Amino acid sequence: MSHPQGEPGPSPTSDRSHRTTPPPAPRPPTLESLGGTAGFIYSTVPVVVFVIALALLSTKAAVIAAVATGAVLTGARLVRGERLVAASGSLTGVLVAAGIVALTGSAKDFFLLGIWVAFAGFLATFGSVLFRRPLSGVAWNLLHGGAYAWREDRQTLRAHDIATLAAALVLGGRFVVKQWLYVHDATGWLAFAKIAMGTPLTVVAALVVAWAFRKTSKRLVESRPVETIAPQEPELPPHQGASGQRRRHLT
């Protein structure tokens, strides 16, 4: 069936709807993003070396051994092609701890920084839940451009309350246990607590945060209503209205 000249035919896209695909959600924290098994080893070995050296040598020698071990491990990570910031992370912590021991002369102060970092982290995470702005939800929204009213969705807010409280529980537990051992001068047990309550518990908390991230993405990103673009009617050429079409039919 032909259409008269000047009369627009049906647009080929008139019955199509263009769907806007939601942007891919940023990956939630995983074991690999936390350094994986290698990261756990790199952060653990200097502590083990410090405790062993402390049992055999002086405090000063133990600190030097821990720093030397951290430096060797950092060099090995750089040779493997890791970035300087990631590779030097464990060495930075060892250097700060060694500096504190050098100032105080007490071997147990090697773990002092970690104790108070855990306490500060607990205050930040637990306080954010009390103020109804759990940090895991704030982080998720920042990763998505800050464009979502995530706190207005009850299930989303509850999920991030749980995730942030899981992080607060890990950090608070570290502080309580290590501070008790610190007060009782249990340097060896401090090293054990640092290893046992370090990366393993961090991974557990990260898995809870990853669950909250996925839940939020499904509710707020993937379930957004599909936007459709209405087809536009093509405009008639200038000076061609109904009278122009009648003249063509008569001729």
Protein backbone atom coordinates (compact mmCIF):
# COMPACT_ATOMS: atom_id res chain seq x y z
CA MET A 1 0.00 0.00 0.00
CA SER A 2 1.52 3.30 -1.15
CA HIS A 3 1.19 6.60 0.60
CA PRO A 4 0.47 9.86 -1.24
CA GLN A 5 3.37 12.17 -1.76
CA GLY A 6 3.85 14.64 1.04
CA GLU A 7 2.07 12.39 3.53
CA PRO A 8 4.52 10.95 5.98
CA GLY A 9 4.55 7.18 6.33
CA PRO A 10 4.80 5.44 9.65
CA SER A 11 8.13 5.92 11.34
CA PRO A 12 10.17 2.69 11.49
CA THR A 13 10.87 3.41 15.12
CA SER A 14 7.33 4.36 16.09
CA ASP A 15 6.66 1.02 17.74
CA ARG A 16 10.04 0.68 19.39
CA SER A 17 11.01 1.76 22.84
CA HIS A 18 14.61 2.59 23.62
CA ARG A 19 15.65 1.21 26.95
CA THR A 20 18.27 2.95 28.96
CA THR A 21 20.66 0.45 30.42
CA PRO A 22 21.65 1.31 34.01
CA PRO A 23 25.37 1.93 34.47
CA PRO A 24 27.35 -1.04 35.78
CA ALA A 25 27.57 -0.97 39.55
CA PRO A 26 31.05 -0.60 41.04
CA ARG A 27 32.42 -3.82 42.38
CA PRO A 28 31.95 -4.33 46.10
CA PRO A 29 34.99 -4.96 48.26
CA THR A 30 36.38 -8.44 47.81
CA LEU A 31 39.25 -10.49 49.16
CA GLU A 32 41.42 -9.48 46.21
CA SER A 33 40.77 -5.78 46.76
CA LEU A 34 41.96 -6.26 50.34
CA GLY A 35 45.22 -7.78 49.15
CA GLY A 36 44.16 -11.41 49.00
CA THR A 37 46.23 -14.16 50.59
CA ALA A 38 49.46 -12.39 49.66
CA GLY A 39 48.35 -9.22 51.46
CA PHE A 40 47.62 -11.27 54.59
CA ILE A 41 51.11 -12.78 54.46
CA TYR A 42 52.84 -9.46 53.84
CA SER A 43 51.13 -7.86 56.84
CA THR A 44 51.74 -10.86 59.10
CA VAL A 45 55.39 -11.76 58.51
CA PRO A 46 56.93 -8.57 60.04
CA VAL A 47 54.86 -9.08 63.20
CA VAL A 48 55.98 -12.71 63.52
CA VAL A 49 59.60 -11.69 62.96
CA PHE A 50 59.28 -8.99 65.63
CA VAL A 51 57.93 -11.39 68.27
CA ILE A 52 60.54 -14.09 67.52
CA ALA A 53 63.39 -11.57 67.53
CA LEU A 54 62.07 -10.04 70.75
CA ALA A 55 62.30 -13.42 72.48
CA LEU A 56 65.92 -13.84 71.40
CA LEU A 57 67.32 -10.32 71.10
CA SER A 58 66.85 -6.83 72.49
CA THR A 59 63.84 -4.62 71.70
CA LYS A 60 65.95 -2.48 69.38
CA ALA A 61 67.17 -5.49 67.44
CA ALA A 62 63.62 -6.84 67.16
CA VAL A 63 62.41 -3.54 65.73
CA ILE A 64 65.25 -3.47 63.20
CA ALA A 65 64.46 -7.04 62.16
CA ALA A 66 60.78 -6.20 61.65
CA VAL A 67 61.61 -3.09 59.58
CA ALA A 68 64.15 -5.01 57.48
CA THR A 69 61.59 -7.75 56.84
CA GLY A 70 59.00 -5.20 55.79
CA ALA A 71 61.49 -3.55 53.44
CA VAL A 72 62.39 -6.87 51.81
CA LEU A 73 58.73 -7.76 51.32
CA THR A 74 58.02 -4.33 49.82
CA GLY A 75 60.89 -4.77 47.39
CA ALA A 76 59.56 -8.19 46.40
CA ARG A 77 56.11 -6.72 45.73
CA LEU A 78 57.59 -3.95 43.58
CA VAL A 79 59.53 -6.53 41.57
CA ARG A 80 56.25 -8.38 41.00
CA GLY A 81 54.86 -5.23 39.41
CA GLU A 82 52.63 -3.96 42.22
CA ARG A 83 52.10 -0.23 42.62
CA LEU A 84 54.25 1.64 45.10
CA VAL A 85 51.30 2.72 47.26
CA ALA A 86 49.97 -0.83 47.60
CA ALA A 87 53.39 -2.41 48.00
CA SER A 88 54.56 -0.02 50.70
CA GLY A 89 51.40 -0.22 52.82
CA SER A 90 52.66 -2.83 55.28
CA LEU A 91 56.10 -1.23 55.46
CA THR A 92 54.56 2.13 56.39
CA GLY A 93 52.74 0.56 59.32
CA VAL A 94 55.90 -1.17 60.51
CA LEU A 95 57.90 2.06 60.28
CA VAL A 96 55.34 3.99 62.32
CA ALA A 97 55.20 1.23 64.94
CA ALA A 98 59.00 1.13 65.06
CA GLY A 99 59.12 4.89 65.54
CA ILE A 100 56.74 4.66 68.51
CA VAL A 101 58.87 1.93 70.10
CA ALA A 102 61.99 4.04 69.55
CA LEU A 103 60.34 6.93 71.42
CA THR A 104 58.93 4.93 74.34
CA GLY A 105 61.42 2.06 74.60
CA SER A 106 58.58 -0.40 75.28
CA ALA A 107 58.16 -3.43 73.03
CA LYS A 108 54.40 -3.58 73.54
CA ASP A 109 54.08 -0.11 71.95
CA PHE A 110 54.80 -1.80 68.62
CA PHE A 111 51.05 -2.53 68.62
CA LEU A 112 49.88 0.80 70.04
CA LEU A 113 49.03 2.39 66.68
CA GLY A 114 46.78 -0.50 65.67
CA ILE A 115 44.91 -0.34 68.97
CA TRP A 116 43.95 3.30 68.64
CA VAL A 117 43.26 3.09 64.91
CA ALA A 118 40.73 0.37 65.75
CA PHE A 119 39.17 2.59 68.41
CA ALA A 120 38.87 5.53 66.00
CA GLY A 121 37.35 3.28 63.37
CA PHE A 122 34.81 1.97 65.88
CA LEU A 123 33.74 5.50 66.83
CA ALA A 124 33.36 6.47 63.16
CA THR A 125 31.35 3.42 62.10
CA PHE A 126 29.14 3.14 65.17
CA GLY A 127 28.56 6.88 65.28
CA SER A 128 27.50 6.92 61.63
CA VAL A 129 24.79 4.36 62.40
CA LEU A 130 23.54 6.41 65.36
CA PHE A 131 23.26 9.45 63.09
CA ARG A 132 21.37 7.36 60.48
CA ARG A 133 24.15 7.75 57.93
CA PRO A 134 25.92 4.38 57.95
CA LEU A 135 29.31 4.68 56.31
CA SER A 136 28.85 1.74 53.95
CA GLY A 137 25.78 3.45 52.47
CA VAL A 138 27.63 6.75 52.16
CA ALA A 139 30.43 4.94 50.35
CA TRP A 140 27.99 3.17 48.00
CA ASN A 141 26.28 6.44 47.10
CA LEU A 142 29.60 8.19 46.46
CA LEU A 143 30.65 5.39 44.13
CA HIS A 144 27.41 5.94 42.21
CA GLY A 145 27.87 9.69 41.88
CA GLY A 146 25.79 10.63 44.92
CA ALA A 147 22.64 10.50 42.80
CA TYR A 148 20.46 8.21 44.93
CA ALA A 149 18.22 8.93 47.92
CA TRP A 150 19.29 5.63 49.47
CA ARG A 151 18.38 6.63 53.04
CA GLU A 152 14.71 6.96 52.06
CA ASP A 153 14.48 3.25 51.25
CA ARG A 154 14.00 1.33 54.51
CA GLN A 155 15.43 -1.99 53.36
CA THR A 156 18.48 -0.30 51.88
CA LEU A 157 19.11 1.72 55.04
CA ARG A 158 18.70 -1.41 57.17
CA ALA A 159 21.18 -3.33 55.02
CA HIS A 160 23.80 -0.62 55.43
CA ASP A 161 23.10 -0.42 59.16
CA ILE A 162 23.92 -4.13 59.37
CA ALA A 163 27.03 -3.80 57.21
CA THR A 164 28.40 -0.81 59.10
CA LEU A 165 27.63 -2.42 62.45
CA ALA A 166 29.56 -5.50 61.32
CA ALA A 167 32.58 -3.28 60.67
CA ALA A 168 32.05 -1.55 64.02
CA LEU A 169 31.91 -4.94 65.78
CA VAL A 170 35.22 -6.01 64.22
CA LEU A 171 36.94 -2.74 65.07
CA GLY A 172 35.49 -2.58 68.58
CA GLY A 173 36.48 -6.19 69.24
CA ARG A 174 40.03 -5.49 68.16
CA PHE A 175 40.27 -2.51 70.46
CA VAL A 176 38.86 -4.27 73.52
CA VAL A 177 41.01 -7.40 73.17
CA LYS A 178 44.24 -5.64 72.27
CA GLN A 179 43.84 -2.94 74.87
CA TRP A 180 43.31 -5.56 77.57
CA LEU A 181 46.44 -7.43 76.43
CA TYR A 182 48.36 -4.14 76.22
CA VAL A 183 47.49 -3.20 79.80
CA HIS A 184 48.62 -6.65 80.98
CA ASP A 185 51.94 -6.44 79.05
CA ALA A 186 51.15 -9.56 77.00
CA THR A 187 53.30 -8.67 73.98
CA GLY A 188 53.27 -12.17 72.54
CA TRP A 189 49.50 -12.41 72.76
CA LEU A 190 49.23 -8.95 71.22
CA ALA A 191 51.01 -10.30 68.16
CA PHE A 192 48.67 -13.30 68.07
CA ALA A 193 45.61 -11.04 68.38
CA LYS A 194 46.88 -8.77 65.61
CA ILE A 195 47.21 -11.74 63.25
CA ALA A 196 44.01 -13.56 64.23
CA MET A 197 41.84 -10.44 64.34
CA GLY A 198 43.42 -8.76 61.32
CA THR A 199 42.75 -9.86 57.76
CA PRO A 200 40.39 -12.79 58.63
CA LEU A 201 37.90 -10.53 60.42
CA THR A 202 38.36 -7.80 57.82
CA VAL A 203 37.29 -10.26 55.13
CA VAL A 204 34.19 -11.20 57.14
CA ALA A 205 33.18 -7.55 57.50
CA ALA A 206 33.92 -6.93 53.82
CA LEU A 207 31.60 -9.78 52.81
CA VAL A 208 28.76 -8.18 54.79
CA VAL A 209 29.47 -4.83 53.12
CA ALA A 210 29.51 -6.55 49.72
CA TRP A 211 26.08 -8.02 50.48
CA ALA A 212 24.75 -4.55 51.33
CA PHE A 213 26.27 -3.14 48.12
CA ARG A 214 24.60 -5.81 45.97
CA LYS A 215 21.26 -5.42 47.72
CA THR A 216 21.32 -1.66 47.26
CA SER A 217 22.27 -1.92 43.59
CA LYS A 218 19.42 -4.33 42.91
CA ARG A 219 16.85 -2.13 44.64
CA LEU A 220 17.94 1.29 43.45
CA VAL A 221 19.81 0.77 40.18
CA GLU A 222 18.61 -2.38 38.46
CA SER A 223 14.95 -1.90 39.43
CA ARG A 224 14.67 1.67 38.14
CA PRO A 225 11.70 2.19 35.75
CA VAL A 226 12.60 1.82 32.11
CA GLU A 227 12.73 5.15 30.33
CA THR A 228 11.16 5.32 26.89
CA ILE A 229 11.72 7.89 24.19
CA ALA A 230 8.51 8.87 22.41
CA PRO A 231 8.79 8.82 18.59
CA GLN A 232 8.87 12.25 17.05
CA GLU A 233 6.52 13.09 14.18
CA PRO A 234 8.48 14.29 11.15
CA GLU A 235 7.69 17.84 10.14
CA LEU A 236 6.17 18.63 6.74
CA PRO A 237 8.32 20.57 4.31
CA PRO A 238 7.65 24.32 4.38
CA HIS A 239 4.67 25.67 2.34
CA GLN A 240 3.21 22.17 1.99
CA GLY A 241 0.00 21.81 3.87
CA ALA A 242 -3.27 20.10 3.00
CA SER A 243 -3.86 22.42 0.01
CA GLY A 244 -0.52 21.44 -1.51
CA GLN A 245 -1.40 17.75 -1.26
CA ARG A 246 -4.81 18.28 -2.98
CA ARG A 247 -3.15 20.05 -5.92
CA ARG A 248 -0.86 17.07 -6.52
CA HIS A 249 -3.79 14.67 -6.58
CA LEU A 250 -5.67 16.83 -9.11
CA THR A 251 -2.68 16.98 -11.45
